[in-house]
PDB file of N, CA and C in Angstrom:
ATOM      1  N   MET A   1       0.835  -1.152   0.001  1.00  0.00           N
ATOM      2  CA  MET A   1       0.033  -0.015  -0.037  1.00  0.00           C
ATOM      3  C   MET A   1       0.913   1.229  -0.007  1.00  0.00           C
ATOM      4  N   GLU A   2       0.582   2.266  -0.818  1.00  0.00           N
ATOM      5  CA  GLU A   2       1.263   3.409  -0.860  1.00  0.00           C
ATOM      6  C   GLU A   2       0.928   4.340   0.286  1.00  0.00           C
ATOM      7  N   GLU A   3       1.858   5.143   0.747  1.00  0.00           N
ATOM      8  CA  GLU A   3       1.589   6.086   1.817  1.00  0.00           C
ATOM      9  C   GLU A   3       1.163   7.404   1.217  1.00  0.00           C
ATOM     10  N   GLY A   4       0.418   8.158   2.002  1.00  0.00           N
ATOM     11  CA  GLY A   4       0.009   9.481   1.609  1.00  0.00           C
ATOM     12  C   GLY A   4      -0.966   9.439   0.465  1.00  0.00           C
ATOM     13  N   GLY A   5      -0.921  10.463  -0.348  1.00  0.00           N
ATOM     14  CA  GLY A   5      -1.886  10.592  -1.418  1.00  0.00           C
ATOM     15  C   GLY A   5      -1.351  10.291  -2.814  1.00  0.00           C
ATOM     16  N   ASP A   6      -0.357   9.443  -2.922  1.00  0.00           N
ATOM     17  CA  ASP A   6       0.253   9.148  -4.179  1.00  0.00           C
ATOM     18  C   ASP A   6      -0.740   8.535  -5.203  1.00  0.00           C
ATOM     19  N   GLN A   7      -1.532   7.636  -4.680  1.00  0.00           N
ATOM     20  CA  GLN A   7      -2.501   6.944  -5.562  1.00  0.00           C
ATOM     21  C   GLN A   7      -3.544   7.957  -6.055  1.00  0.00           C
ATOM     22  N   GLU A   8      -3.999   8.790  -5.170  1.00  0.00           N
ATOM     23  CA  GLU A   8      -4.994   9.815  -5.557  1.00  0.00           C
ATOM     24  C   GLU A   8      -4.381  10.790  -6.549  1.00  0.00           C
ATOM     25  N   ARG A   9      -3.101  11.212  -6.398  1.00  0.00           N
ATOM     26  CA  ARG A   9      -2.508  12.076  -7.370  1.00  0.00           C
ATOM     27  C   ARG A   9      -2.377  11.417  -8.724  1.00  0.00           C
ATOM     28  N   ASP A  10      -2.042  10.108  -8.761  1.00  0.00           N
ATOM     29  CA  ASP A  10      -2.024   9.389 -10.009  1.00  0.00           C
ATOM     30  C   ASP A  10      -3.388   9.369 -10.717  1.00  0.00           C
ATOM     31  N   LEU A  11      -4.437   9.168  -9.924  1.00  0.00           N
ATOM     32  CA  LEU A  11      -5.785   9.228 -10.520  1.00  0.00           C
ATOM     33  C   LEU A  11      -6.152  10.606 -11.013  1.00  0.00           C
ATOM     34  N   ALA A  12      -5.785  11.599 -10.261  1.00  0.00           N
ATOM     35  CA  ALA A  12      -6.044  13.019 -10.720  1.00  0.00           C
ATOM     36  C   ALA A  12      -5.363  13.274 -12.063  1.00  0.00           C
ATOM     37  N   ALA A  13      -4.076  12.876 -12.171  1.00  0.00           N
ATOM     38  CA  ALA A  13      -3.326  13.096 -13.386  1.00  0.00           C
ATOM     39  C   ALA A  13      -3.972  12.343 -14.564  1.00  0.00           C
ATOM     40  N   ASN A  14      -4.467  11.125 -14.296  1.00  0.00           N
ATOM     41  CA  ASN A  14      -5.121  10.398 -15.326  1.00  0.00           C
ATOM     42  C   ASN A  14      -6.401  11.090 -15.825  1.00  0.00           C
ATOM     43  N   TYR A  15      -7.188  11.513 -14.918  1.00  0.00           N
ATOM     44  CA  TYR A  15      -8.441  12.231 -15.316  1.00  0.00           C
ATOM     45  C   TYR A  15      -8.144  13.543 -16.046  1.00  0.00           C
ATOM     46  N   ARG A  16      -7.121  14.286 -15.616  1.00  0.00           N
ATOM     47  CA  ARG A  16      -6.680  15.456 -16.370  1.00  0.00           C
ATOM     48  C   ARG A  16      -6.228  15.161 -17.746  1.00  0.00           C
ATOM     49  N   GLY A  17      -5.499  14.116 -17.903  1.00  0.00           N
ATOM     50  CA  GLY A  17      -5.067  13.694 -19.243  1.00  0.00           C
ATOM     51  C   GLY A  17      -6.203  13.344 -20.132  1.00  0.00           C
ATOM     52  N   LEU A  18      -7.152  12.642 -19.614  1.00  0.00           N
ATOM     53  CA  LEU A  18      -8.386  12.277 -20.342  1.00  0.00           C
ATOM     54  C   LEU A  18      -9.165  13.592 -20.738  1.00  0.00           C
ATOM     55  N   ALA A  19      -9.210  14.517 -19.845  1.00  0.00           N
ATOM     56  CA  ALA A  19      -9.933  15.748 -20.135  1.00  0.00           C
ATOM     57  C   ALA A  19      -9.263  16.520 -21.237  1.00  0.00           C
ATOM     58  N   GLU A  20      -7.946  16.503 -21.238  1.00  0.00           N
ATOM     59  CA  GLU A  20      -7.233  17.252 -22.306  1.00  0.00           C
ATOM     60  C   GLU A  20      -7.473  16.600 -23.687  1.00  0.00           C
ATOM     61  N   LEU A  21      -7.599  15.287 -23.664  1.00  0.00           N
ATOM     62  CA  LEU A  21      -7.819  14.598 -24.947  1.00  0.00           C
ATOM     63  C   LEU A  21      -9.148  14.920 -25.651  1.00  0.00           C
ATOM     64  N   ILE A  22     -10.125  15.232 -24.783  1.00  0.00           N
ATOM     65  CA  ILE A  22     -11.507  15.490 -25.358  1.00  0.00           C
ATOM     66  C   ILE A  22     -11.954  16.980 -25.225  1.00  0.00           C
ATOM     67  N   ARG A  23     -11.121  17.810 -24.647  1.00  0.00           N
ATOM     68  CA  ARG A  23     -11.520  19.171 -24.340  1.00  0.00           C
ATOM     69  C   ARG A  23     -12.198  19.900 -25.553  1.00  0.00           C
ATOM     70  N   PHE A  24     -11.556  19.788 -26.709  1.00  0.00           N
ATOM     71  CA  PHE A  24     -12.004  20.531 -27.884  1.00  0.00           C
ATOM     72  C   PHE A  24     -13.409  20.050 -28.366  1.00  0.00           C
ATOM     73  N   ASP A  25     -13.578  18.712 -28.390  1.00  0.00           N
ATOM     74  CA  ASP A  25     -14.830  18.132 -28.904  1.00  0.00           C
ATOM     75  C   ASP A  25     -15.979  18.058 -27.867  1.00  0.00           C
ATOM     76  N   TYR A  26     -15.551  17.874 -26.621  1.00  0.00           N
ATOM     77  CA  TYR A  26     -16.527  17.655 -25.471  1.00  0.00           C
ATOM     78  C   TYR A  26     -16.148  18.552 -24.285  1.00  0.00           C
ATOM     79  N   PRO A  27     -16.263  19.828 -24.378  1.00  0.00           N
ATOM     80  CA  PRO A  27     -15.769  20.684 -23.322  1.00  0.00           C
ATOM     81  C   PRO A  27     -16.504  20.456 -21.999  1.00  0.00           C
ATOM     82  N   TYR A  28     -17.805  20.140 -22.083  1.00  0.00           N
ATOM     83  CA  TYR A  28     -18.559  19.904 -20.811  1.00  0.00           C
ATOM     84  C   TYR A  28     -18.046  18.667 -20.123  1.00  0.00           C
ATOM     85  N   VAL A  29     -17.899  17.591 -20.858  1.00  0.00           N
ATOM     86  CA  VAL A  29     -17.379  16.352 -20.229  1.00  0.00           C
ATOM     87  C   VAL A  29     -15.960  16.558 -19.764  1.00  0.00           C
ATOM     88  N   ALA A  30     -15.147  17.302 -20.477  1.00  0.00           N
ATOM     89  CA  ALA A  30     -13.797  17.620 -19.981  1.00  0.00           C
ATOM     90  C   ALA A  30     -13.842  18.366 -18.701  1.00  0.00           C
ATOM     91  N   SER A  31     -14.785  19.284 -18.563  1.00  0.00           N
ATOM     92  CA  SER A  31     -14.916  20.040 -17.268  1.00  0.00           C
ATOM     93  C   SER A  31     -15.313  19.088 -16.148  1.00  0.00           C
ATOM     94  N   LEU A  32     -16.138  18.149 -16.425  1.00  0.00           N
ATOM     95  CA  LEU A  32     -16.474  17.189 -15.389  1.00  0.00           C
ATOM     96  C   LEU A  32     -15.239  16.337 -14.969  1.00  0.00           C
ATOM     97  N   LEU A  33     -14.427  15.948 -15.896  1.00  0.00           N
ATOM     98  CA  LEU A  33     -13.243  15.181 -15.616  1.00  0.00           C
ATOM     99  C   LEU A  33     -12.267  16.023 -14.817  1.00  0.00           C
ATOM    100  N   ASP A  34     -12.238  17.319 -15.120  1.00  0.00           N
ATOM    101  CA  ASP A  34     -11.321  18.205 -14.354  1.00  0.00           C
ATOM    102  C   ASP A  34     -11.823  18.280 -12.898  1.00  0.00           C
ATOM    103  N   ARG A  35     -13.169  18.319 -12.721  1.00  0.00           N
ATOM    104  CA  ARG A  35     -13.679  18.399 -11.363  1.00  0.00           C
ATOM    105  C   ARG A  35     -13.393  17.162 -10.561  1.00  0.00           C
ATOM    106  N   ILE A  36     -13.483  15.954 -11.253  1.00  0.00           N
ATOM    107  CA  ILE A  36     -13.084  14.725 -10.642  1.00  0.00           C
ATOM    108  C   ILE A  36     -11.598  14.716 -10.249  1.00  0.00           C
ATOM    109  N   ALA A  37     -10.728  15.311 -11.070  1.00  0.00           N
ATOM    110  CA  ALA A  37      -9.332  15.414 -10.760  1.00  0.00           C
ATOM    111  C   ALA A  37      -9.145  16.276  -9.566  1.00  0.00           C
ATOM    112  N   GLU A  38      -9.817  17.354  -9.555  1.00  0.00           N
ATOM    113  CA  GLU A  38      -9.727  18.281  -8.351  1.00  0.00           C
ATOM    114  C   GLU A  38     -10.134  17.581  -6.998  1.00  0.00           C
ATOM    115  N   SER A  39     -11.143  16.758  -7.166  1.00  0.00           N
ATOM    116  CA  SER A  39     -11.570  16.014  -5.999  1.00  0.00           C
ATOM    117  C   SER A  39     -10.526  15.024  -5.540  1.00  0.00           C
ATOM    118  N   TYR A  40      -9.846  14.371  -6.444  1.00  0.00           N
ATOM    119  CA  TYR A  40      -8.740  13.477  -6.110  1.00  0.00           C
ATOM    120  C   TYR A  40      -7.600  14.265  -5.553  1.00  0.00           C
ATOM    121  N   ASP A  41      -7.324  15.492  -6.037  1.00  0.00           N
ATOM    122  CA  ASP A  41      -6.268  16.312  -5.449  1.00  0.00           C
ATOM    123  C   ASP A  41      -6.593  16.651  -4.001  1.00  0.00           C
ATOM    124  N   HIS A  42      -7.803  16.894  -3.746  1.00  0.00           N
ATOM    125  CA  HIS A  42      -8.241  17.210  -2.328  1.00  0.00           C
ATOM    126  C   HIS A  42      -8.073  15.906  -1.486  1.00  0.00           C
ATOM    127  N   ASP A  43      -8.468  14.785  -1.991  1.00  0.00           N
ATOM    128  CA  ASP A  43      -8.269  13.547  -1.316  1.00  0.00           C
ATOM    129  C   ASP A  43      -6.807  13.267  -1.020  1.00  0.00           C
ATOM    130  N   ALA A  44      -5.946  13.597  -2.006  1.00  0.00           N
ATOM    131  CA  ALA A  44      -4.520  13.344  -1.836  1.00  0.00           C
ATOM    132  C   ALA A  44      -3.925  14.174  -0.662  1.00  0.00           C
ATOM    133  N   GLU A  45      -4.437  15.415  -0.576  1.00  0.00           N
ATOM    134  CA  GLU A  45      -3.975  16.315   0.515  1.00  0.00           C
ATOM    135  C   GLU A  45      -4.405  15.747   1.879  1.00  0.00           C
ATOM    136  N   GLN A  46      -5.662  15.205   1.907  1.00  0.00           N
ATOM    137  CA  GLN A  46      -6.115  14.633   3.153  1.00  0.00           C
ATOM    138  C   GLN A  46      -5.320  13.407   3.502  1.00  0.00           C
ATOM    139  N   MET A  47      -5.025  12.528   2.526  1.00  0.00           N
ATOM    140  CA  MET A  47      -4.267  11.358   2.787  1.00  0.00           C
ATOM    141  C   MET A  47      -2.839  11.729   3.207  1.00  0.00           C
ATOM    142  N   ASP A  48      -2.276  12.724   2.640  1.00  0.00           N
ATOM    143  CA  ASP A  48      -0.967  13.186   3.116  1.00  0.00           C
ATOM    144  C   ASP A  48      -0.964  13.577   4.524  1.00  0.00           C
ATOM    145  N   SER A  49      -1.959  14.364   4.888  1.00  0.00           N
ATOM    146  CA  SER A  49      -2.140  14.746   6.325  1.00  0.00           C
ATOM    147  C   SER A  49      -2.291  13.557   7.216  1.00  0.00           C
ATOM    148  N   ARG A  50      -3.110  12.639   6.812  1.00  0.00           N
ATOM    149  CA  ARG A  50      -3.383  11.501   7.619  1.00  0.00           C
ATOM    150  C   ARG A  50      -2.117  10.677   7.762  1.00  0.00           C
ATOM    151  N   GLY A  51      -1.363  10.448   6.669  1.00  0.00           N
ATOM    152  CA  GLY A  51      -0.092   9.710   6.682  1.00  0.00           C
ATOM    153  C   GLY A  51       0.874  10.350   7.647  1.00  0.00           C
ATOM    154  N   SER A  52       0.908  11.666   7.566  1.00  0.00           N
ATOM    155  CA  SER A  52       1.868  12.399   8.469  1.00  0.00           C
ATOM    156  C   SER A  52       1.477  12.205   9.847  1.00  0.00           C
ATOM    157  N   ALA A  53       0.176  12.235  10.177  1.00  0.00           N
ATOM    158  CA  ALA A  53      -0.286  12.083  11.566  1.00  0.00           C
ATOM    159  C   ALA A  53       0.029  10.679  12.068  1.00  0.00           C
ATOM    160  N   VAL A  54      -0.190   9.731  11.238  1.00  0.00           N
ATOM    161  CA  VAL A  54       0.124   8.258  11.622  1.00  0.00           C
ATOM    162  C   VAL A  54       1.621   8.174  11.947  1.00  0.00           C
ATOM    163  N   LYS A  55       2.504   8.740  11.102  1.00  0.00           N
ATOM    164  CA  LYS A  55       3.868   8.620  11.354  1.00  0.00           C
ATOM    165  C   LYS A  55       4.302   9.309  12.660  1.00  0.00           C
ATOM    166  N   ARG A  56       3.576  10.384  13.007  1.00  0.00           N
ATOM    167  CA  ARG A  56       3.922  11.067  14.299  1.00  0.00           C
ATOM    168  C   ARG A  56       3.251  10.441  15.501  1.00  0.00           C
ATOM    169  N   GLY A  57       2.424   9.427  15.214  1.00  0.00           N
ATOM    170  CA  GLY A  57       1.772   8.661  16.305  1.00  0.00           C
ATOM    171  C   GLY A  57       0.490   9.408  16.852  1.00  0.00           C
ATOM    172  N   ILE A  58      -0.002  10.382  16.055  1.00  0.00           N
ATOM    173  CA  ILE A  58      -1.227  11.073  16.453  1.00  0.00           C
ATOM    174  C   ILE A  58      -2.466  10.201  16.226  1.00  0.00           C
ATOM    175  N   ILE A  59      -2.415   9.453  15.143  1.00  0.00           N
ATOM    176  CA  ILE A  59      -3.606   8.583  14.899  1.00  0.00           C
ATOM    177  C   ILE A  59      -3.134   7.130  15.080  1.00  0.00           C
TER     178      ILE A  59
END
């Protein structure tokens, strides 16, 4: 299992890449994929914080 938000960052990058591929033809769908990527970015930050807290023995 990966620590922190690495997995979520990978997913965010994947969704951003997909959005770029279709942005010209399907701008609305691309914007939805961007929002999904932003959500994964947020999740990554939370997982980073949680991983840091676990390492310090807080959780």
